[in-house]
Amino acid sequence: MKPKNVTLFLLLFMSLNAFAQTPATFHFNCAQVVEPTYIAAYLKEGDNKIELLDGSAGSFIRGLVLPTGVNDYTLSVEFNYKIEGSGTSYKESIEYPFTLAGDETEVEITLRIDYNYSENKVEGKIEVLPCYPSQPGLKIEYAPLLNDNPDYKGPFFMLTNNTKETIYGRYLPYYYWGTLRSQTKSGWGPDYFGELDLDFAERSLLTPGSVAIATVGSFGYSNDLEKDHYRYKLLYSTEDKTNSWEIKDSQNKNFTWKCKTAKYYRLVYVFKVE
């Protein structure tokens, strides 16, 4: 290649990388017994500051894009709240630093406020999940014939593990809960997950050569899907990361911050109901 062509190629390569971006999603959800009177969340990178949330919403989803390349970020959160049945107001804040490699397919940032009844504490949970393409050996198939359990709604999916790794769920290692989108005229609608319940009995893991059922959230979505195209997304890992929380300092004795950054694989499955 001639020197002039080499220079043009390098300039083009650098230009494409300068504009390359990674899609990201910020999720916020708050337990019903905790009343957020004010919540603000910002993503900081150097001198840049992106507002993710500012208000008093009980749940919120926002899409954004992040530049590729290695970058250091800080998730800054301010949270004022009351506990149901109490007139006392509390304030909490946190600065959570994390680093992204820049080669992620997608990044999910989740801020969840839970109530731990066994300890009578509010828990603020921050998850930063760099996501990568699913392993080709993990197969998924829509299984409408499983819609016969009155306690759980469909759609149901059959996972077949043809990899050499054990597959672990995001929320509980032996349950595989994902999100569902339906197709609209302008593209895809928002992700639906539904209720999250971690009080489930232990069962067999998805080991190499085995099968398991995947659902939408903990309790499903509907046994009567309308005729349409749907998109199911499942995050999973080849290590058990469900308890890999870091405990961070809090301002109140009745509050605990739990944070983690963990790599996950992203399985996306598009299917049609006829």
C-alpha atoms as a PDB file:
ATOM      1  CA  MET A   1       0.000   0.000   0.000  1.00  0.00           C
ATOM      2  CA  LYS A   2       1.380   3.433  -0.951  1.00  0.00           C
ATOM      3  CA  PRO A   3       2.251   5.887   1.894  1.00  0.00           C
ATOM      4  CA  LYS A   4      -0.561   8.251   0.843  1.00  0.00           C
ATOM      5  CA  ASN A   5      -3.105   5.428   0.918  1.00  0.00           C
ATOM      6  CA  VAL A   6      -1.807   4.264   4.303  1.00  0.00           C
ATOM      7  CA  THR A   7      -2.297   7.769   5.701  1.00  0.00           C
ATOM      8  CA  LEU A   8      -5.840   7.972   4.328  1.00  0.00           C
ATOM      9  CA  PHE A   9      -6.665   4.524   5.764  1.00  0.00           C
ATOM     10  CA  LEU A  10      -5.366   5.472   9.220  1.00  0.00           C
ATOM     11  CA  LEU A  11      -7.290   8.748   9.183  1.00  0.00           C
ATOM     12  CA  LEU A  12     -10.474   6.922   8.183  1.00  0.00           C
ATOM     13  CA  PHE A  13      -9.947   4.250  10.876  1.00  0.00           C
ATOM     14  CA  MET A  14      -9.366   6.896  13.562  1.00  0.00           C
ATOM     15  CA  SER A  15     -12.411   8.859  12.398  1.00  0.00           C
ATOM     16  CA  LEU A  16     -14.678   5.804  12.582  1.00  0.00           C
ATOM     17  CA  ASN A  17     -13.441   4.955  16.071  1.00  0.00           C
ATOM     18  CA  ALA A  18     -13.955   8.536  17.215  1.00  0.00           C
ATOM     19  CA  PHE A  19     -17.644   8.269  16.350  1.00  0.00           C
ATOM     20  CA  ALA A  20     -18.149   4.647  17.474  1.00  0.00           C
ATOM     21  CA  GLN A  21     -20.626   4.347  20.316  1.00  0.00           C
ATOM     22  CA  THR A  22     -21.953   1.648  22.626  1.00  0.00           C
ATOM     23  CA  PRO A  23     -25.685   1.561  23.479  1.00  0.00           C
ATOM     24  CA  ALA A  24     -26.460   1.698  27.188  1.00  0.00           C
ATOM     25  CA  THR A  25     -29.604   1.572  29.309  1.00  0.00           C
ATOM     26  CA  PHE A  26     -30.201   3.039  32.751  1.00  0.00           C
ATOM     27  CA  HIS A  27     -32.902   1.396  34.892  1.00  0.00           C
ATOM     28  CA  PHE A  28     -34.297   2.696  38.177  1.00  0.00           C
ATOM     29  CA  ASN A  29     -36.826   0.852  40.315  1.00  0.00           C
ATOM     30  CA  CYS A  30     -37.972   1.419  43.896  1.00  0.00           C
ATOM     31  CA  ALA A  31     -39.771  -0.932  46.300  1.00  0.00           C
ATOM     32  CA  GLN A  32     -43.329   0.122  47.149  1.00  0.00           C
ATOM     33  CA  VAL A  33     -42.635   0.467  50.888  1.00  0.00           C
ATOM     34  CA  VAL A  34     -39.931   3.049  50.140  1.00  0.00           C
ATOM     35  CA  GLU A  35     -41.161   6.464  49.006  1.00  0.00           C
ATOM     36  CA  PRO A  36     -38.551   8.452  47.025  1.00  0.00           C
ATOM     37  CA  THR A  37     -39.103  12.133  47.730  1.00  0.00           C
ATOM     38  CA  TYR A  38     -36.145  13.055  45.521  1.00  0.00           C
ATOM     39  CA  ILE A  39     -33.794  10.998  43.369  1.00  0.00           C
ATOM     40  CA  ALA A  40     -30.982  12.248  41.134  1.00  0.00           C
ATOM     41  CA  ALA A  41     -28.497  10.137  39.197  1.00  0.00           C
ATOM     42  CA  TYR A  42     -25.657  11.343  37.001  1.00  0.00           C
ATOM     43  CA  LEU A  43     -22.993   9.562  34.966  1.00  0.00           C
ATOM     44  CA  LYS A  44     -19.658  11.374  35.087  1.00  0.00           C
ATOM     45  CA  GLU A  45     -16.717  10.890  32.717  1.00  0.00           C
ATOM     46  CA  GLY A  46     -13.897  13.396  33.081  1.00  0.00           C
ATOM     47  CA  ASP A  47     -15.467  16.851  32.792  1.00  0.00           C
ATOM     48  CA  ASN A  48     -18.602  15.416  31.163  1.00  0.00           C
ATOM     49  CA  LYS A  49     -21.778  14.824  33.139  1.00  0.00           C
ATOM     50  CA  ILE A  50     -24.887  13.033  31.841  1.00  0.00           C
ATOM     51  CA  GLU A  51     -28.162  13.441  33.731  1.00  0.00           C
ATOM     52  CA  LEU A  52     -29.842  10.056  34.043  1.00  0.00           C
ATOM     53  CA  LEU A  53     -32.672  10.887  36.440  1.00  0.00           C
ATOM     54  CA  ASP A  54     -33.849  13.923  38.405  1.00  0.00           C
ATOM     55  CA  GLY A  55     -37.198  13.798  40.204  1.00  0.00           C
ATOM     56  CA  SER A  56     -39.219  11.469  42.412  1.00  0.00           C
ATOM     57  CA  ALA A  57     -40.190   8.606  40.082  1.00  0.00           C
ATOM     58  CA  GLY A  58     -40.738   5.101  41.442  1.00  0.00           C
ATOM     59  CA  SER A  59     -39.427   3.527  38.237  1.00  0.00           C
ATOM     60  CA  PHE A  60     -37.622   4.889  35.200  1.00  0.00           C
ATOM     61  CA  ILE A  61     -35.792   3.675  32.081  1.00  0.00           C
ATOM     62  CA  ARG A  62     -33.506   5.749  29.863  1.00  0.00           C
ATOM     63  CA  GLY A  63     -31.451   4.824  26.826  1.00  0.00           C
ATOM     64  CA  LEU A  64     -28.140   6.509  26.068  1.00  0.00           C
ATOM     65  CA  VAL A  65     -24.920   5.959  24.128  1.00  0.00           C
ATOM     66  CA  LEU A  66     -21.365   5.798  25.450  1.00  0.00           C
ATOM     67  CA  PRO A  67     -18.113   6.242  23.487  1.00  0.00           C
ATOM     68  CA  THR A  68     -16.058   3.153  22.744  1.00  0.00           C
ATOM     69  CA  GLY A  69     -12.574   2.789  24.164  1.00  0.00           C
ATOM     70  CA  VAL A  70     -11.422   2.406  27.750  1.00  0.00           C
ATOM     71  CA  ASN A  71     -13.151   5.014  29.922  1.00  0.00           C
ATOM     72  CA  ASP A  72     -13.454   5.640  33.647  1.00  0.00           C
ATOM     73  CA  TYR A  73     -16.910   6.585  34.893  1.00  0.00           C
ATOM     74  CA  THR A  74     -18.574   7.510  38.165  1.00  0.00           C
ATOM     75  CA  LEU A  75     -22.253   6.953  38.888  1.00  0.00           C
ATOM     76  CA  SER A  76     -23.344   9.720  41.256  1.00  0.00           C
ATOM     77  CA  VAL A  77     -26.604   9.247  43.165  1.00  0.00           C
ATOM     78  CA  GLU A  78     -28.530  11.443  45.613  1.00  0.00           C
ATOM     79  CA  PHE A  79     -31.561   9.834  47.218  1.00  0.00           C
ATOM     80  CA  ASN A  80     -34.077  11.287  49.685  1.00  0.00           C
ATOM     81  CA  TYR A  81     -36.785   8.947  50.942  1.00  0.00           C
ATOM     82  CA  LYS A  82     -39.385   7.976  53.535  1.00  0.00           C
ATOM     83  CA  ILE A  83     -40.400   4.517  54.672  1.00  0.00           C
ATOM     84  CA  GLU A  84     -44.099   3.620  54.441  1.00  0.00           C
ATOM     85  CA  GLY A  85     -45.856   4.357  57.727  1.00  0.00           C
ATOM     86  CA  SER A  86     -43.130   6.705  58.951  1.00  0.00           C
ATOM     87  CA  GLY A  87     -42.959  10.460  58.612  1.00  0.00           C
ATOM     88  CA  THR A  88     -39.175  10.556  58.973  1.00  0.00           C
ATOM     89  CA  SER A  89     -37.146  11.685  55.952  1.00  0.00           C
ATOM     90  CA  TYR A  90     -33.720  10.250  55.165  1.00  0.00           C
ATOM     91  CA  LYS A  91     -30.932  11.251  52.789  1.00  0.00           C
ATOM     92  CA  GLU A  92     -28.391   9.031  51.080  1.00  0.00           C
ATOM     93  CA  SER A  93     -25.735   9.545  48.420  1.00  0.00           C
ATOM     94  CA  ILE A  94     -22.990   7.579  46.729  1.00  0.00           C
ATOM     95  CA  GLU A  95     -20.217   7.986  44.172  1.00  0.00           C
ATOM     96  CA  TYR A  96     -19.582   4.622  42.482  1.00  0.00           C
ATOM     97  CA  PRO A  97     -16.566   4.455  40.103  1.00  0.00           C
ATOM     98  CA  PHE A  98     -16.239   1.844  37.368  1.00  0.00           C
ATOM     99  CA  THR A  99     -14.293   1.281  34.154  1.00  0.00           C
ATOM    100  CA  LEU A 100     -15.559   0.098  30.763  1.00  0.00           C
ATOM    101  CA  ALA A 101     -13.252  -1.595  28.258  1.00  0.00           C
ATOM    102  CA  GLY A 102     -15.070  -0.067  25.289  1.00  0.00           C
ATOM    103  CA  ASP A 103     -15.638  -3.347  23.422  1.00  0.00           C
ATOM    104  CA  GLU A 104     -19.041  -4.122  24.964  1.00  0.00           C
ATOM    105  CA  THR A 105     -22.089  -4.930  22.833  1.00  0.00           C
ATOM    106  CA  GLU A 106     -24.290  -3.113  25.353  1.00  0.00           C
ATOM    107  CA  VAL A 107     -24.060  -1.749  28.890  1.00  0.00           C
ATOM    108  CA  GLU A 108     -26.820  -1.985  31.486  1.00  0.00           C
ATOM    109  CA  ILE A 109     -26.727   0.307  34.529  1.00  0.00           C
ATOM    110  CA  THR A 110     -29.304  -0.482  37.193  1.00  0.00           C
ATOM    111  CA  LEU A 111     -30.184   1.400  40.371  1.00  0.00           C
ATOM    112  CA  ARG A 112     -32.656  -0.535  42.491  1.00  0.00           C
ATOM    113  CA  ILE A 113     -34.022   0.383  45.910  1.00  0.00           C
ATOM    114  CA  ASP A 114     -35.174  -2.698  47.836  1.00  0.00           C
ATOM    115  CA  TYR A 115     -36.411  -3.307  51.365  1.00  0.00           C
ATOM    116  CA  ASN A 116     -34.802  -6.122  53.344  1.00  0.00           C
ATOM    117  CA  TYR A 117     -37.564  -7.283  55.709  1.00  0.00           C
ATOM    118  CA  SER A 118     -35.333  -9.711  57.612  1.00  0.00           C
ATOM    119  CA  GLU A 119     -32.946  -6.888  58.579  1.00  0.00           C
ATOM    120  CA  ASN A 120     -35.463  -4.007  58.475  1.00  0.00           C
ATOM    121  CA  LYS A 121     -33.160  -2.088  56.157  1.00  0.00           C
ATOM    122  CA  VAL A 122     -33.427  -0.242  52.874  1.00  0.00           C
ATOM    123  CA  GLU A 123     -30.916  -1.480  50.304  1.00  0.00           C
ATOM    124  CA  GLY A 124     -29.636   0.610  47.432  1.00  0.00           C
ATOM    125  CA  LYS A 125     -28.268  -1.730  44.753  1.00  0.00           C
ATOM    126  CA  ILE A 126     -26.122  -0.542  41.854  1.00  0.00           C
ATOM    127  CA  GLU A 127     -25.280  -2.929  39.021  1.00  0.00           C
ATOM    128  CA  VAL A 128     -23.053  -2.056  36.081  1.00  0.00           C
ATOM    129  CA  LEU A 129     -23.232  -4.861  33.531  1.00  0.00           C
ATOM    130  CA  PRO A 130     -20.941  -4.759  30.493  1.00  0.00           C
ATOM    131  CA  CYS A 131     -22.617  -7.145  28.015  1.00  0.00           C
ATOM    132  CA  TYR A 132     -21.044  -9.262  25.275  1.00  0.00           C
ATOM    133  CA  PRO A 133     -22.474 -11.462  22.476  1.00  0.00           C
ATOM    134  CA  SER A 134     -23.976 -14.771  23.558  1.00  0.00           C
ATOM    135  CA  GLN A 135     -21.967 -17.944  23.201  1.00  0.00           C
ATOM    136  CA  PRO A 136     -23.019 -19.769  20.006  1.00  0.00           C
ATOM    137  CA  GLY A 137     -23.540 -23.070  21.836  1.00  0.00           C
ATOM    138  CA  LEU A 138     -26.430 -21.797  23.958  1.00  0.00           C
ATOM    139  CA  LYS A 139     -29.633 -22.475  22.025  1.00  0.00           C
ATOM    140  CA  ILE A 140     -33.068 -21.001  22.713  1.00  0.00           C
ATOM    141  CA  GLU A 141     -36.511 -21.910  21.387  1.00  0.00           C
ATOM    142  CA  TYR A 142     -39.994 -20.560  22.053  1.00  0.00           C
ATOM    143  CA  ALA A 143     -42.037 -23.256  23.846  1.00  0.00           C
ATOM    144  CA  PRO A 144     -45.773 -22.311  23.760  1.00  0.00           C
ATOM    145  CA  LEU A 145     -46.861 -25.811  24.890  1.00  0.00           C
ATOM    146  CA  LEU A 146     -45.545 -25.073  28.387  1.00  0.00           C
ATOM    147  CA  ASN A 147     -48.314 -22.519  29.047  1.00  0.00           C
ATOM    148  CA  ASP A 148     -50.214 -24.781  31.447  1.00  0.00           C
ATOM    149  CA  ASN A 149     -49.079 -23.604  34.907  1.00  0.00           C
ATOM    150  CA  PRO A 150     -51.658 -21.248  36.493  1.00  0.00           C
ATOM    151  CA  ASP A 151     -49.032 -19.718  38.820  1.00  0.00           C
ATOM    152  CA  TYR A 152     -46.687 -18.618  36.042  1.00  0.00           C
ATOM    153  CA  LYS A 153     -47.446 -16.822  32.828  1.00  0.00           C
ATOM    154  CA  GLY A 154     -45.713 -17.287  29.484  1.00  0.00           C
ATOM    155  CA  PRO A 155     -44.030 -16.969  27.198  1.00  0.00           C
ATOM    156  CA  PHE A 156     -41.702 -19.855  28.051  1.00  0.00           C
ATOM    157  CA  PHE A 157     -38.423 -20.640  26.334  1.00  0.00           C
ATOM    158  CA  MET A 158     -36.345 -23.797  26.279  1.00  0.00           C
ATOM    159  CA  LEU A 159     -32.606 -23.288  26.762  1.00  0.00           C
ATOM    160  CA  THR A 160     -30.235 -26.012  25.586  1.00  0.00           C
ATOM    161  CA  ASN A 161     -26.650 -25.756  26.757  1.00  0.00           C
ATOM    162  CA  ASN A 162     -24.322 -27.089  24.066  1.00  0.00           C
ATOM    163  CA  THR A 163     -21.349 -25.170  25.477  1.00  0.00           C
ATOM    164  CA  LYS A 164     -18.620 -26.475  27.782  1.00  0.00           C
ATOM    165  CA  GLU A 165     -19.596 -24.011  30.515  1.00  0.00           C
ATOM    166  CA  THR A 166     -22.291 -23.979  33.194  1.00  0.00           C
ATOM    167  CA  ILE A 167     -24.786 -21.156  32.596  1.00  0.00           C
ATOM    168  CA  TYR A 168     -25.791 -18.953  35.553  1.00  0.00           C
ATOM    169  CA  GLY A 169     -28.776 -16.604  35.742  1.00  0.00           C
ATOM    170  CA  ARG A 170     -28.445 -12.921  36.524  1.00  0.00           C
ATOM    171  CA  TYR A 171     -30.691 -12.705  39.594  1.00  0.00           C
ATOM    172  CA  LEU A 172     -30.548 -16.265  40.918  1.00  0.00           C
ATOM    173  CA  PRO A 173     -27.942 -18.696  39.537  1.00  0.00           C
ATOM    174  CA  TYR A 174     -30.483 -21.432  38.701  1.00  0.00           C
ATOM    175  CA  TYR A 175     -33.277 -19.234  37.229  1.00  0.00           C
ATOM    176  CA  TYR A 176     -33.179 -17.612  33.811  1.00  0.00           C
ATOM    177  CA  TRP A 177     -35.264 -14.455  33.733  1.00  0.00           C
ATOM    178  CA  GLY A 178     -35.187 -12.034  30.823  1.00  0.00           C
ATOM    179  CA  THR A 179     -37.107  -9.165  29.243  1.00  0.00           C
ATOM    180  CA  LEU A 180     -39.650  -9.057  26.409  1.00  0.00           C
ATOM    181  CA  ARG A 181     -40.375  -6.488  23.722  1.00  0.00           C
ATOM    182  CA  SER A 182     -43.106  -6.433  21.104  1.00  0.00           C
ATOM    183  CA  GLN A 183     -42.732  -4.987  17.641  1.00  0.00           C
ATOM    184  CA  THR A 184     -44.307  -1.614  16.859  1.00  0.00           C
ATOM    185  CA  LYS A 185     -44.703   0.338  13.627  1.00  0.00           C
ATOM    186  CA  SER A 186     -41.608   2.371  14.463  1.00  0.00           C
ATOM    187  CA  GLY A 187     -39.427  -0.482  15.724  1.00  0.00           C
ATOM    188  CA  TRP A 188     -39.445  -2.239  19.098  1.00  0.00           C
ATOM    189  CA  GLY A 189     -41.402  -1.228  22.179  1.00  0.00           C
ATOM    190  CA  PRO A 190     -39.923  -0.963  25.692  1.00  0.00           C
ATOM    191  CA  ASP A 191     -38.556  -3.949  27.590  1.00  0.00           C
ATOM    192  CA  TYR A 192     -40.970  -5.658  29.982  1.00  0.00           C
ATOM    193  CA  PHE A 193     -39.614  -7.585  32.964  1.00  0.00           C
ATOM    194  CA  GLY A 194     -42.373  -7.455  35.557  1.00  0.00           C
ATOM    195  CA  GLU A 195     -41.977  -8.335  39.207  1.00  0.00           C
ATOM    196  CA  LEU A 196     -38.667  -9.510  40.642  1.00  0.00           C
ATOM    197  CA  ASP A 197     -38.919 -12.050  43.469  1.00  0.00           C
ATOM    198  CA  LEU A 198     -35.761 -13.685  44.848  1.00  0.00           C
ATOM    199  CA  ASP A 199     -37.592 -16.044  47.195  1.00  0.00           C
ATOM    200  CA  PHE A 200     -37.367 -19.108  44.949  1.00  0.00           C
ATOM    201  CA  ALA A 201     -36.195 -22.596  45.856  1.00  0.00           C
ATOM    202  CA  GLU A 202     -32.873 -23.847  44.549  1.00  0.00           C
ATOM    203  CA  ARG A 203     -32.968 -26.124  41.493  1.00  0.00           C
ATOM    204  CA  SER A 204     -30.568 -27.668  38.981  1.00  0.00           C
ATOM    205  CA  LEU A 205     -28.143 -25.421  37.125  1.00  0.00           C
ATOM    206  CA  LEU A 206     -27.908 -25.303  33.342  1.00  0.00           C
ATOM    207  CA  THR A 207     -24.816 -27.492  33.060  1.00  0.00           C
ATOM    208  CA  PRO A 208     -23.253 -28.614  29.734  1.00  0.00           C
ATOM    209  CA  GLY A 209     -25.635 -30.903  27.863  1.00  0.00           C
ATOM    210  CA  SER A 210     -28.693 -30.008  29.956  1.00  0.00           C
ATOM    211  CA  VAL A 211     -31.850 -27.971  29.332  1.00  0.00           C
ATOM    212  CA  ALA A 212     -33.720 -25.341  31.362  1.00  0.00           C
ATOM    213  CA  ILE A 213     -36.733 -23.061  31.069  1.00  0.00           C
ATOM    214  CA  ALA A 214     -36.383 -19.294  30.688  1.00  0.00           C
ATOM    215  CA  THR A 215     -39.198 -16.821  31.409  1.00  0.00           C
ATOM    216  CA  VAL A 216     -39.999 -13.120  31.413  1.00  0.00           C
ATOM    217  CA  GLY A 217     -39.113 -11.868  34.899  1.00  0.00           C
ATOM    218  CA  SER A 218     -39.960 -14.028  37.905  1.00  0.00           C
ATOM    219  CA  PHE A 219     -43.618 -14.640  36.977  1.00  0.00           C
ATOM    220  CA  GLY A 220     -43.911 -14.206  33.209  1.00  0.00           C
ATOM    221  CA  TYR A 221     -45.962 -11.868  31.060  1.00  0.00           C
ATOM    222  CA  SER A 222     -48.998 -13.498  29.385  1.00  0.00           C
ATOM    223  CA  ASN A 223     -50.233 -16.918  28.242  1.00  0.00           C
ATOM    224  CA  ASP A 224     -52.121 -15.307  25.360  1.00  0.00           C
ATOM    225  CA  LEU A 225     -49.631 -13.354  23.278  1.00  0.00           C
ATOM    226  CA  GLU A 226     -51.167 -11.464  20.391  1.00  0.00           C
ATOM    227  CA  LYS A 227     -50.055 -12.377  16.886  1.00  0.00           C
ATOM    228  CA  ASP A 228     -46.887 -10.373  16.429  1.00  0.00           C
ATOM    229  CA  HIS A 229     -43.098 -10.425  16.444  1.00  0.00           C
ATOM    230  CA  TYR A 230     -41.383 -10.402  19.834  1.00  0.00           C
ATOM    231  CA  ARG A 231     -37.843  -9.936  21.101  1.00  0.00           C
ATOM    232  CA  TYR A 232     -36.638 -11.770  24.213  1.00  0.00           C
ATOM    233  CA  LYS A 233     -33.361 -10.774  25.876  1.00  0.00           C
ATOM    234  CA  LEU A 234     -31.572 -12.835  28.508  1.00  0.00           C
ATOM    235  CA  LEU A 235     -28.420 -11.866  30.384  1.00  0.00           C
ATOM    236  CA  TYR A 236     -26.368 -14.738  31.746  1.00  0.00           C
ATOM    237  CA  SER A 237     -22.876 -15.559  32.964  1.00  0.00           C
ATOM    238  CA  THR A 238     -20.508 -18.522  33.077  1.00  0.00           C
ATOM    239  CA  GLU A 239     -19.753 -17.734  36.735  1.00  0.00           C
ATOM    240  CA  ASP A 240     -22.074 -17.271  39.697  1.00  0.00           C
ATOM    241  CA  LYS A 241     -22.056 -13.502  40.237  1.00  0.00           C
ATOM    242  CA  THR A 242     -25.379 -13.170  42.071  1.00  0.00           C
ATOM    243  CA  ASN A 243     -23.694 -12.550  45.439  1.00  0.00           C
ATOM    244  CA  SER A 244     -20.627 -10.599  44.310  1.00  0.00           C
ATOM    245  CA  TRP A 245     -21.761  -7.369  45.966  1.00  0.00           C
ATOM    246  CA  GLU A 246     -19.425  -4.765  47.452  1.00  0.00           C
ATOM    247  CA  ILE A 247     -20.814  -3.111  50.591  1.00  0.00           C
ATOM    248  CA  LYS A 248     -20.320   0.672  50.518  1.00  0.00           C
ATOM    249  CA  ASP A 249     -20.584   3.271  53.280  1.00  0.00           C
ATOM    250  CA  SER A 250     -24.035   4.726  53.969  1.00  0.00           C
ATOM    251  CA  GLN A 251     -25.200   7.744  55.975  1.00  0.00           C
ATOM    252  CA  ASN A 252     -27.973   5.979  57.908  1.00  0.00           C
ATOM    253  CA  LYS A 253     -28.033   2.792  59.983  1.00  0.00           C
ATOM    254  CA  ASN A 254     -31.228   1.631  58.278  1.00  0.00           C
ATOM    255  CA  PHE A 255     -29.655   1.804  54.796  1.00  0.00           C
ATOM    256  CA  THR A 256     -27.058  -0.304  52.960  1.00  0.00           C
ATOM    257  CA  TRP A 257     -25.408   0.374  49.603  1.00  0.00           C
ATOM    258  CA  LYS A 258     -24.523  -2.732  47.547  1.00  0.00           C
ATOM    259  CA  CYS A 259     -22.618  -2.334  44.277  1.00  0.00           C
ATOM    260  CA  LYS A 260     -21.096  -4.542  41.613  1.00  0.00           C
ATOM    261  CA  THR A 261     -19.660  -4.438  38.116  1.00  0.00           C
ATOM    262  CA  ALA A 262     -19.928  -7.795  36.358  1.00  0.00           C
ATOM    263  CA  LYS A 263     -19.534  -9.073  32.800  1.00  0.00           C
ATOM    264  CA  TYR A 264     -22.560 -10.817  31.284  1.00  0.00           C
ATOM    265  CA  TYR A 265     -23.457 -12.424  27.985  1.00  0.00           C
ATOM    266  CA  ARG A 266     -26.478 -11.122  26.066  1.00  0.00           C
ATOM    267  CA  LEU A 267     -28.755 -13.633  24.334  1.00  0.00           C
ATOM    268  CA  VAL A 268     -31.305 -11.996  21.998  1.00  0.00           C
ATOM    269  CA  TYR A 269     -34.044 -14.107  20.438  1.00  0.00           C
ATOM    270  CA  VAL A 270     -36.669 -12.847  17.974  1.00  0.00           C
ATOM    271  CA  PHE A 271     -39.741 -15.026  17.469  1.00  0.00           C
ATOM    272  CA  LYS A 272     -43.171 -14.794  15.882  1.00  0.00           C
ATOM    273  CA  VAL A 273     -46.554 -15.717  17.331  1.00  0.00           C
ATOM    274  CA  GLU A 274     -48.991 -16.771  14.608  1.00  0.00           C
END
